Amino acid sequence: MSDSNRTDFTNPSTFILLGIPGLEAAHIWIAIPFCAMYAIAVLGNFTILFIIKRDPSLHGPMFYFLCMLAVTDLVMSTSTVPKMLSIFWFNSREISFSACLTQMYFVHSVSGMESGILVAMAFDRYVAICNPLRHSTILKNSVVAKIGLAVVLRSGILALPYPFLVRRWPYCRTNIIPHFYCQHIAVVKLLACADICISSYYGLFDLLTVIGMDGFFIAVSYTLILRAIFHLPTKDARIKTFGTCISPLCAILALYIPDLFSSLMLRSGHNLPLHFLILITGVYHLVPPVLHPIIYRVRTKQIQGRLLQLFAYKKT
């Protein structure tokens, strides 16, 4: 019986995404909050990009990095959510082999880019607070562009092995993926007739390299920032200076807390239902893109002021 159900193939032409196994009857209703969050993420991040592009006074390192973060948030959410909604609402479960590998690549590369941009933003705050007189000379536009290019190249190169490793393994069980997108681990588990240790070890190496290294640099930057703040002469100066760090800190927490929680659940939550783990992954892909524009709109006076001016102009 098992032999008759076994499918032997090397390169499947398509994969079948199940969405959230076990909650198929609730797919239509689950899609509603995800669609609302995606709309908020798209609107919020495009608003950030529009305001910064329109106002020359915002053309500085911090806002350039914020633009990069908004773009990565848009790419991250758009890489997975539209396909998820098409599964939930239109039962469009098929995805081609090439599209699956492309989606996998973008998810991993953009996730690393977000982390790298947060490191760049922490460095910007370090220079602005610890060496304010040289901020404009250290973080010139050319330097900001090079930092952005380095972040893109690092993440793009580290993500390249994922699709190449998945492509080279033989597929001999099924082409059904119990997920709403082509997650690396979910696809690799289909490869029962090959030793997939390389893929598993590389995934762990990539996670430790990106999160571990970036987390270390962020921690060092904010340690030096806090030390500089505590040496300021007055309490008002300390509070005002620390206030400039709140937005980047909140952005870091908005990315790393869901990422850490999702990673821990996926690796240690073996007794948890599969649908719960997949829901956690879906939330992780949408929480940072939703929260980042809200954080910077609320905490950054320049963006808040330009946004109020924009609405006031439309009313008149």
Protein backbone atom coordinates (compact mmCIF):
# COMPACT_ATOMS: atom_id res chain seq x y z
CA MET A 1 0.00 0.00 0.00
CA SER A 2 2.77 2.38 0.89
CA ASP A 3 4.56 1.59 -2.37
CA SER A 4 1.49 2.44 -4.38
CA ASN A 5 1.25 5.84 -2.69
CA ARG A 6 4.92 6.58 -3.14
CA THR A 7 5.83 9.13 -5.77
CA ASP A 8 9.26 8.86 -7.36
CA PHE A 9 10.57 11.97 -9.06
CA THR A 10 13.68 14.09 -9.08
CA ASN A 11 12.41 17.54 -10.04
CA PRO A 12 8.68 18.07 -9.50
CA SER A 13 7.11 20.63 -11.81
CA THR A 14 4.86 21.97 -9.04
CA PHE A 15 4.38 21.89 -5.30
CA ILE A 16 1.03 21.91 -3.50
CA LEU A 17 0.76 24.30 -0.56
CA LEU A 18 -1.80 23.20 2.03
CA GLY A 19 -2.06 26.54 3.85
CA ILE A 20 -2.66 25.72 7.51
CA PRO A 21 -3.33 21.96 7.81
CA GLY A 22 -6.15 21.18 10.21
CA LEU A 23 -7.77 24.60 9.87
CA GLU A 24 -8.94 24.38 6.26
CA ALA A 25 -12.54 25.12 7.27
CA ALA A 26 -11.44 28.40 8.88
CA HIS A 27 -9.13 29.56 6.07
CA ILE A 28 -11.58 32.21 4.85
CA TRP A 29 -11.87 33.77 8.31
CA ILE A 30 -8.16 33.47 9.13
CA ALA A 31 -7.37 35.36 5.92
CA ILE A 32 -9.30 38.46 7.04
CA PRO A 33 -6.90 39.62 9.83
CA PHE A 34 -3.90 38.67 7.71
CA CYS A 35 -5.27 40.70 4.80
CA ALA A 36 -5.92 43.68 7.11
CA MET A 37 -2.39 43.48 8.53
CA TYR A 38 -0.91 43.26 5.04
CA ALA A 39 -2.89 46.31 3.91
CA ILE A 40 -1.68 48.27 6.96
CA ALA A 41 1.92 47.19 6.26
CA VAL A 42 1.76 48.22 2.59
CA LEU A 43 0.04 51.54 3.30
CA GLY A 44 2.31 52.39 6.24
CA ASN A 45 5.59 51.60 4.51
CA PHE A 46 4.63 53.34 1.26
CA THR A 47 3.64 56.38 3.35
CA ILE A 48 7.07 56.40 4.99
CA LEU A 49 8.78 56.20 1.58
CA PHE A 50 6.55 58.94 0.14
CA ILE A 51 7.14 61.36 3.02
CA ILE A 52 10.91 60.89 3.04
CA LYS A 53 11.16 61.23 -0.75
CA ARG A 54 9.03 64.37 -0.75
CA ASP A 55 10.79 66.24 2.06
CA PRO A 56 14.47 67.17 1.41
CA SER A 57 15.00 67.89 5.12
CA LEU A 58 14.58 64.15 5.76
CA HIS A 59 17.34 63.19 3.34
CA GLY A 60 19.79 62.01 5.97
CA PRO A 61 21.40 58.70 7.06
CA MET A 62 18.73 57.70 9.58
CA PHE A 63 15.91 58.25 7.09
CA TYR A 64 17.80 56.55 4.26
CA PHE A 65 18.15 53.48 6.47
CA LEU A 66 14.47 53.78 7.32
CA CYS A 67 13.66 53.76 3.60
CA MET A 68 15.72 50.58 3.21
CA LEU A 69 13.84 49.02 6.12
CA ALA A 70 10.49 49.99 4.57
CA VAL A 71 11.47 48.40 1.23
CA THR A 72 12.59 45.16 2.89
CA ASP A 73 9.36 45.06 4.92
CA LEU A 74 7.34 45.41 1.71
CA VAL A 75 9.31 42.70 -0.07
CA MET A 76 9.15 40.35 2.93
CA SER A 77 5.38 40.59 3.35
CA THR A 78 4.68 40.55 -0.41
CA SER A 79 6.81 37.43 -0.85
CA THR A 80 4.40 35.32 1.19
CA VAL A 81 1.09 37.01 2.02
CA PRO A 82 -0.51 37.33 -1.48
CA LYS A 83 0.04 33.61 -2.12
CA MET A 84 -1.29 32.79 1.34
CA LEU A 85 -4.45 34.81 0.66
CA SER A 86 -4.93 33.12 -2.72
CA ILE A 87 -4.75 29.75 -0.94
CA PHE A 88 -7.20 30.78 1.76
CA TRP A 89 -9.74 32.54 -0.45
CA PHE A 90 -9.41 30.95 -3.90
CA ASN A 91 -7.94 27.53 -3.08
CA SER A 92 -5.03 28.31 -5.42
CA ARG A 93 -2.58 25.84 -3.90
CA GLU A 94 -0.19 25.11 -6.77
CA ILE A 95 3.19 26.80 -7.02
CA SER A 96 5.80 25.96 -9.64
CA PHE A 97 9.14 24.49 -8.60
CA SER A 98 11.03 27.58 -9.79
CA ALA A 99 8.58 29.98 -8.09
CA CYS A 100 8.90 27.99 -4.87
CA LEU A 101 12.70 28.28 -4.90
CA THR A 102 12.47 31.99 -5.76
CA GLN A 103 10.09 32.60 -2.87
CA MET A 104 12.38 30.68 -0.53
CA TYR A 105 15.38 32.75 -1.63
CA PHE A 106 13.63 36.09 -1.16
CA VAL A 107 12.27 35.19 2.27
CA HIS A 108 15.71 34.22 3.59
CA SER A 109 17.66 37.02 1.89
CA VAL A 110 15.23 39.79 2.87
CA SER A 111 15.09 38.54 6.45
CA GLY A 112 18.87 38.92 6.65
CA MET A 113 18.68 42.36 5.03
CA GLU A 114 16.24 43.58 7.68
CA SER A 115 18.61 42.48 10.42
CA GLY A 116 21.58 44.14 8.69
CA ILE A 117 19.70 47.42 8.27
CA LEU A 118 18.91 47.46 11.98
CA VAL A 119 22.66 47.12 12.65
CA ALA A 120 23.27 50.10 10.34
CA MET A 121 20.62 52.11 12.20
CA ALA A 122 22.26 51.24 15.53
CA PHE A 123 25.61 52.40 14.11
CA ASP A 124 23.99 55.65 12.96
CA ARG A 125 22.68 56.30 16.49
CA TYR A 126 26.12 55.47 17.95
CA VAL A 127 27.87 58.01 15.71
CA ALA A 128 25.14 60.64 16.26
CA ILE A 129 25.39 60.38 20.05
CA CYS A 130 29.02 59.45 20.70
CA ASN A 131 30.61 61.51 17.94
CA PRO A 132 28.00 64.08 16.86
CA LEU A 133 30.45 66.59 15.35
CA ARG A 134 31.66 64.03 12.82
CA HIS A 135 28.29 62.43 12.08
CA SER A 136 27.85 64.17 8.71
CA THR A 137 31.41 63.40 7.63
CA ILE A 138 31.42 59.74 8.76
CA LEU A 139 27.98 58.86 7.37
CA LYS A 140 28.10 60.62 4.04
CA ASN A 141 25.67 59.59 1.30
CA SER A 142 28.36 57.49 -0.37
CA VAL A 143 29.04 55.66 2.91
CA VAL A 144 25.32 55.03 3.46
CA ALA A 145 25.07 53.63 -0.08
CA LYS A 146 28.06 51.33 0.54
CA ILE A 147 26.55 50.10 3.81
CA GLY A 148 23.27 49.38 2.02
CA LEU A 149 25.09 47.52 -0.76
CA ALA A 150 27.08 45.50 1.79
CA VAL A 151 23.86 44.52 3.59
CA VAL A 152 22.25 43.41 0.33
CA LEU A 153 25.30 41.45 -0.86
CA ARG A 154 25.81 39.71 2.49
CA SER A 155 22.21 38.58 2.75
CA GLY A 156 21.93 37.71 -0.93
CA ILE A 157 25.05 35.54 -0.84
CA LEU A 158 24.13 33.80 2.43
CA ALA A 159 20.68 32.95 1.03
CA LEU A 160 21.99 31.53 -2.27
CA PRO A 161 22.70 27.99 -0.96
CA TYR A 162 19.06 27.46 0.08
CA PRO A 163 17.55 27.08 -3.42
CA PHE A 164 20.68 25.36 -4.76
CA LEU A 165 20.66 22.76 -1.99
CA VAL A 166 16.92 22.15 -2.37
CA ARG A 167 17.29 21.80 -6.16
CA ARG A 168 20.02 19.17 -5.97
CA TRP A 169 18.26 16.74 -3.60
CA PRO A 170 16.15 13.88 -5.04
CA TYR A 171 12.41 14.03 -4.25
CA CYS A 172 10.87 10.65 -3.58
CA ARG A 173 7.92 11.07 -1.21
CA THR A 174 5.49 13.81 -2.12
CA ASN A 175 5.22 17.32 -3.51
CA ILE A 176 2.70 18.45 -0.88
CA ILE A 177 4.02 21.13 1.49
CA PRO A 178 2.11 21.51 4.81
CA HIS A 179 2.56 25.27 4.85
CA PHE A 180 1.34 28.45 3.15
CA TYR A 181 4.72 29.26 1.58
CA CYS A 182 7.90 27.43 0.56
CA GLN A 183 9.64 27.39 3.90
CA HIS A 184 13.07 25.80 3.70
CA ILE A 185 12.54 23.24 6.47
CA ALA A 186 9.08 22.31 5.19
CA VAL A 187 10.44 21.62 1.69
CA VAL A 188 13.54 19.79 2.94
CA LYS A 189 11.38 17.39 4.93
CA LEU A 190 10.00 16.11 1.62
CA LEU A 191 13.46 14.75 0.79
CA ALA A 192 13.21 11.48 2.73
CA CYS A 193 15.46 9.52 0.36
CA ALA A 194 18.56 11.71 0.86
CA ASP A 195 20.78 12.82 3.70
CA ILE A 196 19.63 16.39 4.33
CA CYS A 197 22.05 17.18 7.16
CA ILE A 198 23.84 19.73 4.98
CA SER A 199 20.63 21.73 4.52
CA SER A 200 19.79 21.55 8.21
CA TYR A 201 23.29 22.53 9.32
CA TYR A 202 23.48 25.37 6.82
CA GLY A 203 20.13 26.75 8.03
CA LEU A 204 21.47 26.77 11.60
CA PHE A 205 24.75 28.32 10.44
CA ASP A 206 22.90 31.09 8.58
CA LEU A 207 20.68 31.81 11.59
CA LEU A 208 23.64 32.01 13.98
CA THR A 209 25.71 34.06 11.54
CA VAL A 210 23.05 36.68 10.83
CA ILE A 211 21.19 36.89 14.14
CA GLY A 212 24.24 36.17 16.29
CA MET A 213 26.62 38.59 14.57
CA ASP A 214 24.03 41.33 14.10
CA GLY A 215 22.77 40.95 17.65
CA PHE A 216 26.34 41.27 18.93
CA PHE A 217 27.01 44.49 16.99
CA ILE A 218 23.68 45.97 18.05
CA ALA A 219 24.38 45.13 21.69
CA VAL A 220 27.85 46.70 21.50
CA SER A 221 26.48 49.85 19.81
CA TYR A 222 23.77 50.42 22.40
CA THR A 223 26.11 49.63 25.28
CA LEU A 224 28.41 52.42 24.07
CA ILE A 225 25.39 54.68 23.50
CA LEU A 226 24.07 54.12 27.02
CA ARG A 227 27.51 54.76 28.49
CA ALA A 228 27.68 58.07 26.59
CA ILE A 229 24.16 59.01 27.70
CA PHE A 230 24.95 58.37 31.38
CA HIS A 231 27.92 60.74 31.10
CA LEU A 232 25.73 63.64 29.96
CA PRO A 233 25.62 66.47 32.53
CA THR A 234 21.85 66.88 33.03
CA LYS A 235 18.86 64.60 33.36
CA ASP A 236 16.97 66.46 30.62
CA ALA A 237 19.86 65.96 28.20
CA ARG A 238 19.97 62.25 29.02
CA ILE A 239 16.23 61.82 28.48
CA LYS A 240 16.26 63.81 25.24
CA THR A 241 19.23 61.90 23.84
CA PHE A 242 17.83 58.53 24.84
CA GLY A 243 14.55 59.52 23.14
CA THR A 244 16.33 59.50 19.78
CA CYS A 245 17.16 55.81 20.33
CA ILE A 246 13.65 54.63 21.19
CA SER A 247 12.45 54.22 17.60
CA PRO A 248 15.43 52.07 16.47
CA LEU A 249 15.20 50.03 19.68
CA CYS A 250 11.49 49.39 19.14
CA ALA A 251 12.19 48.43 15.51
CA ILE A 252 14.83 45.96 16.69
CA LEU A 253 12.45 44.42 19.23
CA ALA A 254 9.65 44.26 16.62
CA LEU A 255 11.90 42.12 14.40
CA TYR A 256 13.92 40.03 16.84
CA ILE A 257 11.24 39.08 19.39
CA PRO A 258 8.85 37.50 16.83
CA ASP A 259 11.85 35.96 15.02
CA LEU A 260 13.26 34.46 18.22
CA PHE A 261 9.84 33.25 19.37
CA SER A 262 9.11 31.72 15.95
CA SER A 263 12.51 29.99 15.78
CA LEU A 264 12.17 28.57 19.29
CA MET A 265 8.65 27.31 18.61
CA LEU A 266 9.64 25.67 15.32
CA ARG A 267 12.69 23.94 16.83
CA SER A 268 11.45 23.00 20.28
CA GLY A 269 7.68 22.98 19.99
CA HIS A 270 7.42 19.35 18.84
CA ASN A 271 4.39 18.74 21.04
CA LEU A 272 2.54 21.79 19.73
CA PRO A 273 -0.05 21.42 16.96
CA LEU A 274 1.27 22.04 13.46
CA HIS A 275 -1.38 24.68 12.73
CA PHE A 276 -0.23 26.68 15.76
CA LEU A 277 3.39 26.68 14.58
CA ILE A 278 2.35 27.78 11.07
CA LEU A 279 0.20 30.59 12.49
CA ILE A 280 3.21 31.78 14.50
CA THR A 281 5.26 31.87 11.29
CA GLY A 282 2.54 33.86 9.52
CA VAL A 283 2.41 36.40 12.31
CA TYR A 284 6.20 36.73 12.24
CA HIS A 285 6.10 37.65 8.53
CA LEU A 286 3.60 40.46 9.20
CA VAL A 287 4.33 41.87 12.66
CA PRO A 288 7.58 43.76 11.79
CA PRO A 289 6.21 45.29 8.52
CA VAL A 290 3.11 46.46 10.42
CA LEU A 291 4.90 47.79 13.51
CA HIS A 292 7.90 49.52 11.91
CA PRO A 293 5.96 52.35 10.16
CA ILE A 294 3.73 52.77 13.23
CA ILE A 295 6.78 53.04 15.50
CA TYR A 296 8.49 55.65 13.33
CA ARG A 297 5.30 57.60 12.77
CA VAL A 298 4.63 57.84 16.50
CA ARG A 299 8.19 58.23 17.79
CA THR A 300 9.81 60.36 15.06
CA LYS A 301 8.69 63.98 15.26
CA GLN A 302 9.87 64.84 11.73
CA ILE A 303 7.76 62.10 10.12
CA GLN A 304 4.83 62.76 12.43
CA GLY A 305 4.93 66.47 11.54
CA ARG A 306 5.15 65.85 7.79
CA LEU A 307 2.28 63.37 7.99
CA LEU A 308 0.08 65.89 9.80
CA GLN A 309 0.99 68.53 7.21
CA LEU A 310 0.06 66.11 4.43
CA PHE A 311 -3.39 65.45 5.88
CA ALA A 312 -3.94 69.13 6.60
CA TYR A 313 -3.02 69.95 2.98
CA LYS A 314 -5.49 67.38 1.64
CA LYS A 315 -8.31 68.77 3.81
CA THR A 316 -7.76 72.28 2.52
